[in-house]
Amino acid sequence: MNYGKALAMGEQYEKAVDVLEQAKQFLNTTIIETALGDSYKALKKDNKSESAYQHAGDMIPSRFYPYYLLANLYEESDQHKKAVSI
């Protein structure tokens, strides 16, 4: 998980996705899902990014950060109604 997050922060998104997807097989946390969302977003895979952010939000609904990332994704992709609903 930490290595995958470090790769994402280092803008090595393809490798980060590979490592984070492997990490999900052993432990799945909001950190993994948000890092996956960030990596997919950088790779212009908005559907996968949306799914990862939504999954992170569903894991612990009281946390705002995944929903903030999801709203930003919607806003940046001109999906204003979805952004407002978040």
N, C-alpha and C. Protein backbone atom coordinates (compact mmCIF):
# COMPACT_ATOMS: atom_id res chain seq x y z
N MET A 1 0.82 -1.18 0.00
CA MET A 1 0.00 0.00 0.00
C MET A 1 0.87 1.26 0.00
N ASN A 2 1.83 1.31 0.89
CA ASN A 2 2.68 2.51 0.99
C ASN A 2 3.51 2.72 -0.27
N TYR A 3 4.01 1.63 -0.84
CA TYR A 3 4.79 1.74 -2.07
C TYR A 3 3.92 2.25 -3.21
N GLY A 4 2.72 1.73 -3.32
CA GLY A 4 1.80 2.19 -4.36
C GLY A 4 1.43 3.65 -4.20
N LYS A 5 1.19 4.07 -2.98
CA LYS A 5 0.89 5.48 -2.71
C LYS A 5 2.08 6.36 -3.06
N ALA A 6 3.29 5.90 -2.72
CA ALA A 6 4.50 6.66 -3.05
C ALA A 6 4.68 6.78 -4.56
N LEU A 7 4.38 5.71 -5.28
CA LEU A 7 4.46 5.77 -6.74
C LEU A 7 3.46 6.78 -7.30
N ALA A 8 2.26 6.79 -6.76
CA ALA A 8 1.24 7.74 -7.21
C ALA A 8 1.69 9.17 -6.92
N MET A 9 2.25 9.39 -5.75
CA MET A 9 2.72 10.73 -5.40
C MET A 9 3.92 11.13 -6.27
N GLY A 10 4.68 10.14 -6.73
CA GLY A 10 5.82 10.39 -7.60
C GLY A 10 5.43 10.44 -9.07
N GLU A 11 4.14 10.44 -9.34
CA GLU A 11 3.58 10.55 -10.69
C GLU A 11 3.96 9.39 -11.60
N GLN A 12 4.17 8.23 -11.01
CA GLN A 12 4.40 7.00 -11.77
C GLN A 12 3.08 6.21 -11.74
N TYR A 13 2.10 6.74 -12.44
CA TYR A 13 0.72 6.29 -12.29
C TYR A 13 0.47 4.87 -12.78
N GLU A 14 1.05 4.48 -13.90
CA GLU A 14 0.83 3.12 -14.40
C GLU A 14 1.33 2.08 -13.40
N LYS A 15 2.53 2.31 -12.90
CA LYS A 15 3.11 1.37 -11.93
C LYS A 15 2.33 1.41 -10.62
N ALA A 16 1.88 2.62 -10.22
CA ALA A 16 1.09 2.76 -9.01
C ALA A 16 -0.19 1.95 -9.09
N VAL A 17 -0.86 2.00 -10.24
CA VAL A 17 -2.10 1.23 -10.41
C VAL A 17 -1.81 -0.25 -10.26
N ASP A 18 -0.75 -0.74 -10.87
CA ASP A 18 -0.40 -2.16 -10.76
C ASP A 18 -0.18 -2.57 -9.31
N VAL A 19 0.61 -1.78 -8.60
CA VAL A 19 0.94 -2.11 -7.21
C VAL A 19 -0.30 -2.00 -6.32
N LEU A 20 -1.07 -0.95 -6.50
CA LEU A 20 -2.26 -0.75 -5.66
C LEU A 20 -3.33 -1.81 -5.91
N GLU A 21 -3.49 -2.22 -7.16
CA GLU A 21 -4.45 -3.29 -7.46
C GLU A 21 -4.01 -4.60 -6.80
N GLN A 22 -2.71 -4.86 -6.76
CA GLN A 22 -2.21 -6.05 -6.07
C GLN A 22 -2.45 -5.92 -4.56
N ALA A 23 -2.20 -4.74 -4.03
CA ALA A 23 -2.38 -4.52 -2.60
C ALA A 23 -3.82 -4.74 -2.17
N LYS A 24 -4.78 -4.41 -3.06
CA LYS A 24 -6.20 -4.60 -2.75
C LYS A 24 -6.53 -6.06 -2.48
N GLN A 25 -5.75 -6.97 -3.02
CA GLN A 25 -6.01 -8.39 -2.82
C GLN A 25 -5.75 -8.83 -1.37
N PHE A 26 -4.93 -8.05 -0.66
CA PHE A 26 -4.56 -8.41 0.70
C PHE A 26 -5.15 -7.48 1.75
N LEU A 27 -5.35 -6.24 1.38
CA LEU A 27 -5.87 -5.23 2.30
C LEU A 27 -6.49 -4.14 1.45
N ASN A 28 -7.72 -3.79 1.76
CA ASN A 28 -8.32 -2.71 1.00
C ASN A 28 -8.74 -1.62 1.97
N THR A 29 -8.17 -0.45 1.77
CA THR A 29 -8.45 0.69 2.63
C THR A 29 -8.83 1.89 1.77
N THR A 30 -9.30 2.92 2.44
CA THR A 30 -9.63 4.15 1.72
C THR A 30 -8.37 4.78 1.11
N ILE A 31 -7.24 4.55 1.73
CA ILE A 31 -5.98 5.09 1.20
C ILE A 31 -5.68 4.46 -0.16
N ILE A 32 -5.85 3.15 -0.26
CA ILE A 32 -5.62 2.47 -1.53
C ILE A 32 -6.60 2.97 -2.58
N GLU A 33 -7.87 3.05 -2.21
CA GLU A 33 -8.89 3.45 -3.17
C GLU A 33 -8.71 4.90 -3.63
N THR A 34 -8.36 5.82 -2.73
CA THR A 34 -8.17 7.21 -3.16
C THR A 34 -6.90 7.34 -4.01
N ALA A 35 -5.86 6.59 -3.67
CA ALA A 35 -4.64 6.62 -4.50
C ALA A 35 -4.92 6.03 -5.88
N LEU A 36 -5.73 4.98 -5.93
CA LEU A 36 -6.13 4.43 -7.22
C LEU A 36 -6.93 5.46 -8.01
N GLY A 37 -7.86 6.12 -7.33
CA GLY A 37 -8.65 7.15 -7.98
C GLY A 37 -7.79 8.26 -8.55
N ASP A 38 -6.82 8.69 -7.77
CA ASP A 38 -5.91 9.75 -8.23
C ASP A 38 -5.09 9.29 -9.44
N SER A 39 -4.63 8.05 -9.39
CA SER A 39 -3.82 7.52 -10.49
C SER A 39 -4.65 7.35 -11.76
N TYR A 40 -5.84 6.80 -11.61
CA TYR A 40 -6.72 6.64 -12.77
C TYR A 40 -7.11 8.01 -13.35
N LYS A 41 -7.33 8.97 -12.48
CA LYS A 41 -7.67 10.32 -12.95
C LYS A 41 -6.52 10.90 -13.77
N ALA A 42 -5.31 10.73 -13.30
CA ALA A 42 -4.13 11.23 -14.02
C ALA A 42 -3.95 10.52 -15.36
N LEU A 43 -4.40 9.27 -15.42
CA LEU A 43 -4.30 8.50 -16.66
C LEU A 43 -5.52 8.72 -17.57
N LYS A 44 -6.39 9.63 -17.16
CA LYS A 44 -7.60 9.97 -17.94
C LYS A 44 -8.58 8.81 -18.04
N LYS A 45 -8.62 7.99 -17.01
CA LYS A 45 -9.58 6.89 -16.93
C LYS A 45 -10.63 7.28 -15.90
N ASP A 46 -11.50 8.22 -16.31
CA ASP A 46 -12.44 8.82 -15.37
C ASP A 46 -13.44 7.83 -14.78
N ASN A 47 -13.87 6.84 -15.55
CA ASN A 47 -14.82 5.86 -15.00
C ASN A 47 -14.21 5.05 -13.87
N LYS A 48 -12.96 4.64 -14.05
CA LYS A 48 -12.29 3.88 -12.99
C LYS A 48 -11.98 4.78 -11.80
N SER A 49 -11.64 6.02 -12.07
CA SER A 49 -11.38 6.97 -11.00
C SER A 49 -12.65 7.20 -10.18
N GLU A 50 -13.75 7.40 -10.86
CA GLU A 50 -15.04 7.60 -10.18
C GLU A 50 -15.38 6.40 -9.32
N SER A 51 -15.19 5.22 -9.85
CA SER A 51 -15.49 3.99 -9.11
C SER A 51 -14.63 3.87 -7.85
N ALA A 52 -13.35 4.18 -7.97
CA ALA A 52 -12.44 4.08 -6.82
C ALA A 52 -12.81 5.10 -5.74
N TYR A 53 -13.08 6.33 -6.14
CA TYR A 53 -13.47 7.35 -5.16
C TYR A 53 -14.79 6.97 -4.49
N GLN A 54 -15.75 6.49 -5.28
CA GLN A 54 -17.04 6.10 -4.71
C GLN A 54 -16.88 4.94 -3.74
N HIS A 55 -16.03 3.98 -4.09
CA HIS A 55 -15.80 2.85 -3.20
C HIS A 55 -15.16 3.32 -1.89
N ALA A 56 -14.22 4.24 -1.98
CA ALA A 56 -13.59 4.78 -0.77
C ALA A 56 -14.63 5.48 0.10
N GLY A 57 -15.52 6.22 -0.52
CA GLY A 57 -16.57 6.88 0.23
C GLY A 57 -17.54 5.91 0.87
N ASP A 58 -17.84 4.83 0.16
CA ASP A 58 -18.76 3.81 0.69
C ASP A 58 -18.15 3.04 1.86
N MET A 59 -16.83 2.95 1.89
CA MET A 59 -16.16 2.20 2.96
C MET A 59 -16.38 2.86 4.31
N ILE A 60 -16.22 4.17 4.35
CA ILE A 60 -16.41 4.94 5.59
C ILE A 60 -17.18 6.21 5.22
N PRO A 61 -18.51 6.13 5.19
CA PRO A 61 -19.32 7.24 4.70
C PRO A 61 -19.16 8.56 5.46
N SER A 62 -18.66 8.51 6.67
CA SER A 62 -18.52 9.75 7.44
C SER A 62 -17.28 10.56 7.04
N ARG A 63 -16.42 9.99 6.22
CA ARG A 63 -15.23 10.73 5.76
C ARG A 63 -15.60 11.56 4.53
N PHE A 64 -15.19 12.80 4.54
CA PHE A 64 -15.52 13.71 3.45
C PHE A 64 -14.53 13.65 2.29
N TYR A 65 -13.30 13.27 2.55
CA TYR A 65 -12.25 13.39 1.55
C TYR A 65 -12.55 12.63 0.25
N PRO A 66 -12.99 11.37 0.30
CA PRO A 66 -13.29 10.69 -0.97
C PRO A 66 -14.39 11.41 -1.76
N TYR A 67 -15.37 11.95 -1.06
CA TYR A 67 -16.46 12.67 -1.74
C TYR A 67 -15.96 14.00 -2.31
N TYR A 68 -15.04 14.61 -1.62
CA TYR A 68 -14.41 15.83 -2.13
C TYR A 68 -13.68 15.53 -3.44
N LEU A 69 -12.91 14.44 -3.47
CA LEU A 69 -12.20 14.04 -4.68
C LEU A 69 -13.18 13.71 -5.80
N LEU A 70 -14.28 13.05 -5.45
CA LEU A 70 -15.29 12.70 -6.44
C LEU A 70 -15.95 13.96 -7.00
N ALA A 71 -16.27 14.91 -6.14
CA ALA A 71 -16.86 16.17 -6.60
C ALA A 71 -15.90 16.92 -7.51
N ASN A 72 -14.62 16.93 -7.17
CA ASN A 72 -13.61 17.57 -8.03
C ASN A 72 -13.54 16.89 -9.39
N LEU A 73 -13.58 15.57 -9.40
CA LEU A 73 -13.56 14.83 -10.65
C LEU A 73 -14.75 15.23 -11.52
N TYR A 74 -15.92 15.27 -10.92
CA TYR A 74 -17.12 15.67 -11.67
C TYR A 74 -17.00 17.09 -12.19
N GLU A 75 -16.52 17.98 -11.36
CA GLU A 75 -16.40 19.39 -11.76
C GLU A 75 -15.41 19.54 -12.92
N GLU A 76 -14.29 18.85 -12.84
CA GLU A 76 -13.27 18.94 -13.88
C GLU A 76 -13.70 18.29 -15.19
N SER A 77 -14.66 17.38 -15.12
CA SER A 77 -15.14 16.72 -16.33
C SER A 77 -16.51 17.27 -16.77
N ASP A 78 -16.82 18.47 -16.30
CA ASP A 78 -18.04 19.20 -16.69
C ASP A 78 -19.33 18.44 -16.37
N GLN A 79 -19.31 17.70 -15.30
CA GLN A 79 -20.52 17.03 -14.81
C GLN A 79 -21.02 17.79 -13.59
N HIS A 80 -21.44 19.01 -13.82
CA HIS A 80 -21.76 19.93 -12.73
C HIS A 80 -22.92 19.45 -11.85
N LYS A 81 -23.93 18.83 -12.44
CA LYS A 81 -25.06 18.35 -11.64
C LYS A 81 -24.62 17.27 -10.65
N LYS A 82 -23.75 16.37 -11.11
CA LYS A 82 -23.23 15.34 -10.20
C LYS A 82 -22.36 15.97 -9.12
N ALA A 83 -21.57 16.96 -9.47
CA ALA A 83 -20.71 17.63 -8.49
C ALA A 83 -21.55 18.29 -7.41
N VAL A 84 -22.62 18.95 -7.82
CA VAL A 84 -23.50 19.64 -6.85
C VAL A 84 -24.19 18.61 -5.95
N SER A 85 -24.58 17.47 -6.52
CA SER A 85 -25.28 16.47 -5.71
C SER A 85 -24.37 15.88 -4.63
N ILE A 86 -23.08 15.84 -4.88
CA ILE A 86 -22.14 15.35 -3.88
C ILE A 86 -22.05 16.37 -2.77
